[in-house]
Amino acid sequence: FLVFFLDTDRALVLLEEYCKKLRKPEEQQLKKAIRKVMGIFKSSLFQALLGSFKKKATRHGTTSNTSLPAALACDVLGCPKD
């Protein structure tokens, strides 16, 4: 789960770096949208949802680094149970 948080932090860093490159007037709408996504990632609601997914993944025994994203995807998409 810690790796998932680090991946989120890394995504924020990469998005911030990308936003710094968006300087043309026609890129400002994209920059605004990216900043909105960054705000969502930083929000307490998003962090709470991550915590909730971690609890569900732990209950289902899917806390390894490779299976946590799959567990999250299945939880959101409603994948069939084994």
PDB file of N, CA and C in Angstrom:
ATOM      1  N   PHE A   1       0.821  -1.197   0.000  1.00  0.00           N
ATOM      2  CA  PHE A   1       0.000   0.000   0.000  1.00  0.00           C
ATOM      3  C   PHE A   1       0.858   1.250   0.000  1.00  0.00           C
ATOM      4  N   LEU A   2       1.974   1.194   0.693  1.00  0.00           N
ATOM      5  CA  LEU A   2       2.883   2.333   0.710  1.00  0.00           C
ATOM      6  C   LEU A   2       3.347   2.655  -0.690  1.00  0.00           C
ATOM      7  N   VAL A   3       3.600   1.633  -1.495  1.00  0.00           N
ATOM      8  CA  VAL A   3       4.019   1.859  -2.875  1.00  0.00           C
ATOM      9  C   VAL A   3       2.928   2.589  -3.639  1.00  0.00           C
ATOM     10  N   PHE A   4       1.665   2.263  -3.368  1.00  0.00           N
ATOM     11  CA  PHE A   4       0.560   2.941  -4.047  1.00  0.00           C
ATOM     12  C   PHE A   4       0.564   4.431  -3.713  1.00  0.00           C
ATOM     13  N   PHE A   5       0.793   4.775  -2.428  1.00  0.00           N
ATOM     14  CA  PHE A   5       0.885   6.183  -2.046  1.00  0.00           C
ATOM     15  C   PHE A   5       2.069   6.846  -2.723  1.00  0.00           C
ATOM     16  N   LEU A   6       3.201   6.151  -2.787  1.00  0.00           N
ATOM     17  CA  LEU A   6       4.370   6.716  -3.437  1.00  0.00           C
ATOM     18  C   LEU A   6       4.103   6.927  -4.913  1.00  0.00           C
ATOM     19  N   ASP A   7       3.365   6.022  -5.531  1.00  0.00           N
ATOM     20  CA  ASP A   7       2.994   6.194  -6.939  1.00  0.00           C
ATOM     21  C   ASP A   7       2.112   7.429  -7.116  1.00  0.00           C
ATOM     22  N   THR A   8       1.204   7.667  -6.181  1.00  0.00           N
ATOM     23  CA  THR A   8       0.360   8.855  -6.236  1.00  0.00           C
ATOM     24  C   THR A   8       1.212  10.106  -6.092  1.00  0.00           C
ATOM     25  N   ASP A   9       2.147  10.073  -5.148  1.00  0.00           N
ATOM     26  CA  ASP A   9       3.051  11.213  -4.969  1.00  0.00           C
ATOM     27  C   ASP A   9       3.894  11.439  -6.214  1.00  0.00           C
ATOM     28  N   ARG A  10       4.364  10.380  -6.810  1.00  0.00           N
ATOM     29  CA  ARG A  10       5.170  10.495  -8.035  1.00  0.00           C
ATOM     30  C   ARG A  10       4.323  11.065  -9.173  1.00  0.00           C
ATOM     31  N   ALA A  11       3.088  10.632  -9.265  1.00  0.00           N
ATOM     32  CA  ALA A  11       2.192  11.171 -10.294  1.00  0.00           C
ATOM     33  C   ALA A  11       2.004  12.672 -10.107  1.00  0.00           C
ATOM     34  N   LEU A  12       1.859  13.103  -8.865  1.00  0.00           N
ATOM     35  CA  LEU A  12       1.717  14.538  -8.601  1.00  0.00           C
ATOM     36  C   LEU A  12       2.957  15.308  -9.025  1.00  0.00           C
ATOM     37  N   VAL A  13       4.129  14.753  -8.743  1.00  0.00           N
ATOM     38  CA  VAL A  13       5.383  15.403  -9.146  1.00  0.00           C
ATOM     39  C   VAL A  13       5.463  15.508 -10.666  1.00  0.00           C
ATOM     40  N   LEU A  14       5.133  14.427 -11.354  1.00  0.00           N
ATOM     41  CA  LEU A  14       5.190  14.428 -12.819  1.00  0.00           C
ATOM     42  C   LEU A  14       4.173  15.394 -13.418  1.00  0.00           C
ATOM     43  N   LEU A  15       2.979  15.440 -12.845  1.00  0.00           N
ATOM     44  CA  LEU A  15       1.972  16.379 -13.335  1.00  0.00           C
ATOM     45  C   LEU A  15       2.419  17.821 -13.121  1.00  0.00           C
ATOM     46  N   GLU A  16       3.024  18.094 -11.987  1.00  0.00           N
ATOM     47  CA  GLU A  16       3.523  19.445 -11.712  1.00  0.00           C
ATOM     48  C   GLU A  16       4.620  19.829 -12.710  1.00  0.00           C
ATOM     49  N   GLU A  17       5.537  18.908 -12.977  1.00  0.00           N
ATOM     50  CA  GLU A  17       6.599  19.172 -13.951  1.00  0.00           C
ATOM     51  C   GLU A  17       6.008  19.443 -15.337  1.00  0.00           C
ATOM     52  N   TYR A  18       5.013  18.665 -15.705  1.00  0.00           N
ATOM     53  CA  TYR A  18       4.374  18.848 -17.004  1.00  0.00           C
ATOM     54  C   TYR A  18       3.673  20.204 -17.077  1.00  0.00           C
ATOM     55  N   CYS A  19       2.987  20.581 -15.989  1.00  0.00           N
ATOM     56  CA  CYS A  19       2.286  21.874 -15.963  1.00  0.00           C
ATOM     57  C   CYS A  19       3.248  23.037 -16.163  1.00  0.00           C
ATOM     58  N   LYS A  20       4.435  22.923 -15.643  1.00  0.00           N
ATOM     59  CA  LYS A  20       5.422  24.001 -15.792  1.00  0.00           C
ATOM     60  C   LYS A  20       5.806  24.216 -17.254  1.00  0.00           C
ATOM     61  N   LYS A  21       5.652  23.176 -18.067  1.00  0.00           N
ATOM     62  CA  LYS A  21       6.002  23.263 -19.485  1.00  0.00           C
ATOM     63  C   LYS A  21       4.868  23.849 -20.326  1.00  0.00           C
ATOM     64  N   LEU A  22       3.684  23.930 -19.756  1.00  0.00           N
ATOM     65  CA  LEU A  22       2.523  24.431 -20.493  1.00  0.00           C
ATOM     66  C   LEU A  22       2.466  25.947 -20.346  1.00  0.00           C
ATOM     67  N   ARG A  23       2.972  26.648 -21.349  1.00  0.00           N
ATOM     68  CA  ARG A  23       3.054  28.104 -21.278  1.00  0.00           C
ATOM     69  C   ARG A  23       2.267  28.817 -22.375  1.00  0.00           C
ATOM     70  N   LYS A  24       1.968  28.123 -23.443  1.00  0.00           N
ATOM     71  CA  LYS A  24       1.256  28.740 -24.563  1.00  0.00           C
ATOM     72  C   LYS A  24      -0.203  28.995 -24.175  1.00  0.00           C
ATOM     73  N   PRO A  25      -0.792  30.045 -24.727  1.00  0.00           N
ATOM     74  CA  PRO A  25      -2.199  30.344 -24.407  1.00  0.00           C
ATOM     75  C   PRO A  25      -3.147  29.174 -24.678  1.00  0.00           C
ATOM     76  N   GLU A  26      -2.905  28.452 -25.764  1.00  0.00           N
ATOM     77  CA  GLU A  26      -3.795  27.332 -26.098  1.00  0.00           C
ATOM     78  C   GLU A  26      -3.620  26.133 -25.163  1.00  0.00           C
ATOM     79  N   GLU A  27      -2.590  26.134 -24.332  1.00  0.00           N
ATOM     80  CA  GLU A  27      -2.337  25.044 -23.390  1.00  0.00           C
ATOM     81  C   GLU A  27      -2.911  25.327 -21.996  1.00  0.00           C
ATOM     82  N   GLN A  28      -3.451  26.511 -21.807  1.00  0.00           N
ATOM     83  CA  GLN A  28      -3.903  26.904 -20.476  1.00  0.00           C
ATOM     84  C   GLN A  28      -5.132  26.127 -20.001  1.00  0.00           C
ATOM     85  N   GLN A  29      -5.982  25.730 -20.924  1.00  0.00           N
ATOM     86  CA  GLN A  29      -7.139  24.921 -20.540  1.00  0.00           C
ATOM     87  C   GLN A  29      -6.675  23.549 -20.033  1.00  0.00           C
ATOM     88  N   LEU A  30      -5.709  22.959 -20.725  1.00  0.00           N
ATOM     89  CA  LEU A  30      -5.152  21.685 -20.286  1.00  0.00           C
ATOM     90  C   LEU A  30      -4.476  21.847 -18.922  1.00  0.00           C
ATOM     91  N   LYS A  31      -3.731  22.915 -18.761  1.00  0.00           N
ATOM     92  CA  LYS A  31      -3.047  23.179 -17.491  1.00  0.00           C
ATOM     93  C   LYS A  31      -4.064  23.289 -16.347  1.00  0.00           C
ATOM     94  N   LYS A  32      -5.160  23.975 -16.603  1.00  0.00           N
ATOM     95  CA  LYS A  32      -6.207  24.128 -15.593  1.00  0.00           C
ATOM     96  C   LYS A  32      -6.807  22.767 -15.223  1.00  0.00           C
ATOM     97  N   ALA A  33      -7.046  21.931 -16.223  1.00  0.00           N
ATOM     98  CA  ALA A  33      -7.608  20.597 -15.971  1.00  0.00           C
ATOM     99  C   ALA A  33      -6.638  19.732 -15.174  1.00  0.00           C
ATOM    100  N   ILE A  34      -5.371  19.797 -15.504  1.00  0.00           N
ATOM    101  CA  ILE A  34      -4.365  19.013 -14.777  1.00  0.00           C
ATOM    102  C   ILE A  34      -4.288  19.474 -13.332  1.00  0.00           C
ATOM    103  N   ARG A  35      -4.320  20.765 -13.122  1.00  0.00           N
ATOM    104  CA  ARG A  35      -4.280  21.294 -11.745  1.00  0.00           C
ATOM    105  C   ARG A  35      -5.511  20.844 -10.952  1.00  0.00           C
ATOM    106  N   LYS A  36      -6.653  20.722 -11.629  1.00  0.00           N
ATOM    107  CA  LYS A  36      -7.860  20.236 -10.962  1.00  0.00           C
ATOM    108  C   LYS A  36      -7.671  18.778 -10.522  1.00  0.00           C
ATOM    109  N   VAL A  37      -7.101  17.959 -11.397  1.00  0.00           N
ATOM    110  CA  VAL A  37      -6.811  16.558 -11.055  1.00  0.00           C
ATOM    111  C   VAL A  37      -5.833  16.492  -9.884  1.00  0.00           C
ATOM    112  N   MET A  38      -4.821  17.343  -9.914  1.00  0.00           N
ATOM    113  CA  MET A  38      -3.852  17.369  -8.820  1.00  0.00           C
ATOM    114  C   MET A  38      -4.540  17.718  -7.500  1.00  0.00           C
ATOM    115  N   GLY A  39      -5.470  18.647  -7.551  1.00  0.00           N
ATOM    116  CA  GLY A  39      -6.212  19.005  -6.351  1.00  0.00           C
ATOM    117  C   GLY A  39      -7.024  17.841  -5.812  1.00  0.00           C
ATOM    118  N   ILE A  40      -7.595  17.068  -6.720  1.00  0.00           N
ATOM    119  CA  ILE A  40      -8.354  15.881  -6.316  1.00  0.00           C
ATOM    120  C   ILE A  40      -7.432  14.875  -5.649  1.00  0.00           C
ATOM    121  N   PHE A  41      -6.265  14.620  -6.248  1.00  0.00           N
ATOM    122  CA  PHE A  41      -5.317  13.671  -5.660  1.00  0.00           C
ATOM    123  C   PHE A  41      -4.897  14.093  -4.256  1.00  0.00           C
ATOM    124  N   LYS A  42      -4.811  15.391  -4.022  1.00  0.00           N
ATOM    125  CA  LYS A  42      -4.372  15.909  -2.725  1.00  0.00           C
ATOM    126  C   LYS A  42      -5.509  16.020  -1.715  1.00  0.00           C
ATOM    127  N   SER A  43      -6.735  15.861  -2.166  1.00  0.00           N
ATOM    128  CA  SER A  43      -7.886  16.082  -1.292  1.00  0.00           C
ATOM    129  C   SER A  43      -8.008  15.025  -0.202  1.00  0.00           C
ATOM    130  N   SER A  44      -8.621  15.425   0.876  1.00  0.00           N
ATOM    131  CA  SER A  44      -8.838  14.490   1.981  1.00  0.00           C
ATOM    132  C   SER A  44      -9.805  13.378   1.570  1.00  0.00           C
ATOM    133  N   LEU A  45     -10.758  13.684   0.691  1.00  0.00           N
ATOM    134  CA  LEU A  45     -11.684  12.658   0.220  1.00  0.00           C
ATOM    135  C   LEU A  45     -10.945  11.575  -0.549  1.00  0.00           C
ATOM    136  N   PHE A  46     -10.058  11.963  -1.469  1.00  0.00           N
ATOM    137  CA  PHE A  46      -9.290  10.990  -2.239  1.00  0.00           C
ATOM    138  C   PHE A  46      -8.424  10.143  -1.304  1.00  0.00           C
ATOM    139  N   GLN A  47      -7.780  10.780  -0.348  1.00  0.00           N
ATOM    140  CA  GLN A  47      -6.936  10.058   0.600  1.00  0.00           C
ATOM    141  C   GLN A  47      -7.771   9.085   1.436  1.00  0.00           C
ATOM    142  N   ALA A  48      -8.981   9.495   1.811  1.00  0.00           N
ATOM    143  CA  ALA A  48      -9.866   8.608   2.561  1.00  0.00           C
ATOM    144  C   ALA A  48     -10.283   7.415   1.715  1.00  0.00           C
ATOM    145  N   LEU A  49     -10.560   7.652   0.435  1.00  0.00           N
ATOM    146  CA  LEU A  49     -10.912   6.540  -0.456  1.00  0.00           C
ATOM    147  C   LEU A  49      -9.760   5.555  -0.595  1.00  0.00           C
ATOM    148  N   LEU A  50      -8.551   6.073  -0.686  1.00  0.00           N
ATOM    149  CA  LEU A  50      -7.384   5.185  -0.735  1.00  0.00           C
ATOM    150  C   LEU A  50      -7.312   4.328   0.523  1.00  0.00           C
ATOM    151  N   GLY A  51      -7.567   4.952   1.655  1.00  0.00           N
ATOM    152  CA  GLY A  51      -7.564   4.211   2.916  1.00  0.00           C
ATOM    153  C   GLY A  51      -8.630   3.142   2.937  1.00  0.00           C
ATOM    154  N   SER A  52      -9.806   3.465   2.406  1.00  0.00           N
ATOM    155  CA  SER A  52     -10.898   2.491   2.339  1.00  0.00           C
ATOM    156  C   SER A  52     -10.532   1.324   1.428  1.00  0.00           C
ATOM    157  N   PHE A  53      -9.925   1.616   0.278  1.00  0.00           N
ATOM    158  CA  PHE A  53      -9.510   0.555  -0.633  1.00  0.00           C
ATOM    159  C   PHE A  53      -8.447  -0.320   0.011  1.00  0.00           C
ATOM    160  N   LYS A  54      -7.567   0.283   0.784  1.00  0.00           N
ATOM    161  CA  LYS A  54      -6.522  -0.494   1.461  1.00  0.00           C
ATOM    162  C   LYS A  54      -7.158  -1.486   2.426  1.00  0.00           C
ATOM    163  N   LYS A  55      -8.153  -1.022   3.173  1.00  0.00           N
ATOM    164  CA  LYS A  55      -8.829  -1.909   4.122  1.00  0.00           C
ATOM    165  C   LYS A  55      -9.501  -3.069   3.397  1.00  0.00           C
ATOM    166  N   LYS A  56     -10.177  -2.774   2.268  1.00  0.00           N
ATOM    167  CA  LYS A  56     -10.823  -3.841   1.498  1.00  0.00           C
ATOM    168  C   LYS A  56      -9.802  -4.805   0.924  1.00  0.00           C
ATOM    169  N   ALA A  57      -8.700  -4.263   0.408  1.00  0.00           N
ATOM    170  CA  ALA A  57      -7.662  -5.121  -0.167  1.00  0.00           C
ATOM    171  C   ALA A  57      -7.058  -6.004   0.902  1.00  0.00           C
ATOM    172  N   THR A  58      -6.877  -5.474   2.106  1.00  0.00           N
ATOM    173  CA  THR A  58      -6.324  -6.252   3.207  1.00  0.00           C
ATOM    174  C   THR A  58      -7.267  -7.388   3.581  1.00  0.00           C
ATOM    175  N   ARG A  59      -8.567  -7.087   3.622  1.00  0.00           N
ATOM    176  CA  ARG A  59      -9.554  -8.129   3.946  1.00  0.00           C
ATOM    177  C   ARG A  59      -9.565  -9.238   2.904  1.00  0.00           C
ATOM    178  N   HIS A  60      -9.314  -8.884   1.658  1.00  0.00           N
ATOM    179  CA  HIS A  60      -9.331  -9.870   0.580  1.00  0.00           C
ATOM    180  C   HIS A  60      -7.961 -10.486   0.351  1.00  0.00           C
ATOM    181  N   GLY A  61      -6.978 -10.076   1.157  1.00  0.00           N
ATOM    182  CA  GLY A  61      -5.643 -10.639   1.029  1.00  0.00           C
ATOM    183  C   GLY A  61      -4.916 -10.193  -0.217  1.00  0.00           C
ATOM    184  N   THR A  62      -5.189  -8.986  -0.684  1.00  0.00           N
ATOM    185  CA  THR A  62      -4.561  -8.490  -1.918  1.00  0.00           C
ATOM    186  C   THR A  62      -3.755  -7.233  -1.641  1.00  0.00           C
ATOM    187  N   THR A  63      -2.794  -7.339  -0.726  1.00  0.00           N
ATOM    188  CA  THR A  63      -2.027  -6.152  -0.360  1.00  0.00           C
ATOM    189  C   THR A  63      -0.648  -6.122  -0.996  1.00  0.00           C
ATOM    190  N   SER A  64      -0.321  -7.084  -1.839  1.00  0.00           N
ATOM    191  CA  SER A  64       0.988  -7.029  -2.484  1.00  0.00           C
ATOM    192  C   SER A  64       1.028  -5.883  -3.472  1.00  0.00           C
ATOM    193  N   ASN A  65       2.219  -5.430  -3.800  1.00  0.00           N
ATOM    194  CA  ASN A  65       2.385  -4.272  -4.675  1.00  0.00           C
ATOM    195  C   ASN A  65       1.740  -4.471  -6.034  1.00  0.00           C
ATOM    196  N   THR A  66       1.812  -5.678  -6.565  1.00  0.00           N
ATOM    197  CA  THR A  66       1.280  -5.900  -7.907  1.00  0.00           C
ATOM    198  C   THR A  66      -0.219  -6.116  -7.910  1.00  0.00           C
ATOM    199  N   SER A  67      -0.777  -6.648  -6.828  1.00  0.00           N
ATOM    200  CA  SER A  67      -2.202  -6.956  -6.853  1.00  0.00           C
ATOM    201  C   SER A  67      -3.073  -5.841  -6.299  1.00  0.00           C
ATOM    202  N   LEU A  68      -2.514  -4.881  -5.583  1.00  0.00           N
ATOM    203  CA  LEU A  68      -3.332  -3.809  -5.031  1.00  0.00           C
ATOM    204  C   LEU A  68      -4.028  -3.003  -6.124  1.00  0.00           C
ATOM    205  N   PRO A  69      -3.344  -2.567  -7.180  1.00  0.00           N
ATOM    206  CA  PRO A  69      -4.069  -1.848  -8.235  1.00  0.00           C
ATOM    207  C   PRO A  69      -5.185  -2.688  -8.848  1.00  0.00           C
ATOM    208  N   ALA A  70      -4.958  -3.966  -9.011  1.00  0.00           N
ATOM    209  CA  ALA A  70      -5.998  -4.838  -9.550  1.00  0.00           C
ATOM    210  C   ALA A  70      -7.171  -4.917  -8.588  1.00  0.00           C
ATOM    211  N   ALA A  71      -6.879  -4.987  -7.302  1.00  0.00           N
ATOM    212  CA  ALA A  71      -7.946  -5.029  -6.304  1.00  0.00           C
ATOM    213  C   ALA A  71      -8.752  -3.735  -6.330  1.00  0.00           C
ATOM    214  N   LEU A  72      -8.066  -2.619  -6.472  1.00  0.00           N
ATOM    215  CA  LEU A  72      -8.747  -1.328  -6.540  1.00  0.00           C
ATOM    216  C   LEU A  72      -9.627  -1.259  -7.777  1.00  0.00           C
ATOM    217  N   ALA A  73      -9.099  -1.696  -8.900  1.00  0.00           N
ATOM    218  CA  ALA A  73      -9.851  -1.668 -10.154  1.00  0.00           C
ATOM    219  C   ALA A  73     -11.089  -2.559 -10.040  1.00  0.00           C
ATOM    220  N   CYS A  74     -10.924  -3.745  -9.482  1.00  0.00           N
ATOM    221  CA  CYS A  74     -12.056  -4.663  -9.339  1.00  0.00           C
ATOM    222  C   CYS A  74     -13.089  -4.098  -8.385  1.00  0.00           C
ATOM    223  N   ASP A  75     -12.632  -3.418  -7.344  1.00  0.00           N
ATOM    224  CA  ASP A  75     -13.577  -2.831  -6.412  1.00  0.00           C
ATOM    225  C   ASP A  75     -14.404  -1.749  -7.094  1.00  0.00           C
ATOM    226  N   VAL A  76     -13.756  -0.946  -7.896  1.00  0.00           N
ATOM    227  CA  VAL A  76     -14.452   0.150  -8.593  1.00  0.00           C
ATOM    228  C   VAL A  76     -15.326  -0.393  -9.713  1.00  0.00           C
ATOM    229  N   LEU A  77     -14.815  -1.360 -10.470  1.00  0.00           N
ATOM    230  CA  LEU A  77     -15.524  -1.858 -11.652  1.00  0.00           C
ATOM    231  C   LEU A  77     -16.484  -2.991 -11.337  1.00  0.00           C
ATOM    232  N   GLY A  78     -16.393  -3.547 -10.139  1.00  0.00           N
ATOM    233  CA  GLY A  78     -17.296  -4.629  -9.774  1.00  0.00           C
ATOM    234  C   GLY A  78     -16.928  -5.939 -10.415  1.00  0.00           C
ATOM    235  N   CYS A  79     -15.663  -6.297 -10.391  1.00  0.00           N
ATOM    236  CA  CYS A  79     -15.215  -7.573 -10.963  1.00  0.00           C
ATOM    237  C   CYS A  79     -15.861  -8.735 -10.207  1.00  0.00           C
ATOM    238  N   PRO A  80     -16.082  -9.842 -10.902  1.00  0.00           N
ATOM    239  CA  PRO A  80     -16.679 -11.012 -10.227  1.00  0.00           C
ATOM    240  C   PRO A  80     -15.749 -11.559  -9.160  1.00  0.00           C
ATOM    241  N   LYS A  81     -16.351 -12.107  -8.118  1.00  0.00           N
ATOM    242  CA  LYS A  81     -15.589 -12.697  -7.017  1.00  0.00           C
ATOM    243  C   LYS A  81     -15.120 -14.085  -7.418  1.00  0.00           C
ATOM    244  N   ASP A  82     -13.969 -14.496  -6.823  1.00  0.00           N
ATOM    245  CA  ASP A  82     -13.435 -15.850  -7.092  1.00  0.00           C
ATOM    246  C   ASP A  82     -14.301 -16.918  -6.487  1.00  0.00           C
TER     247      ASP A  82
END
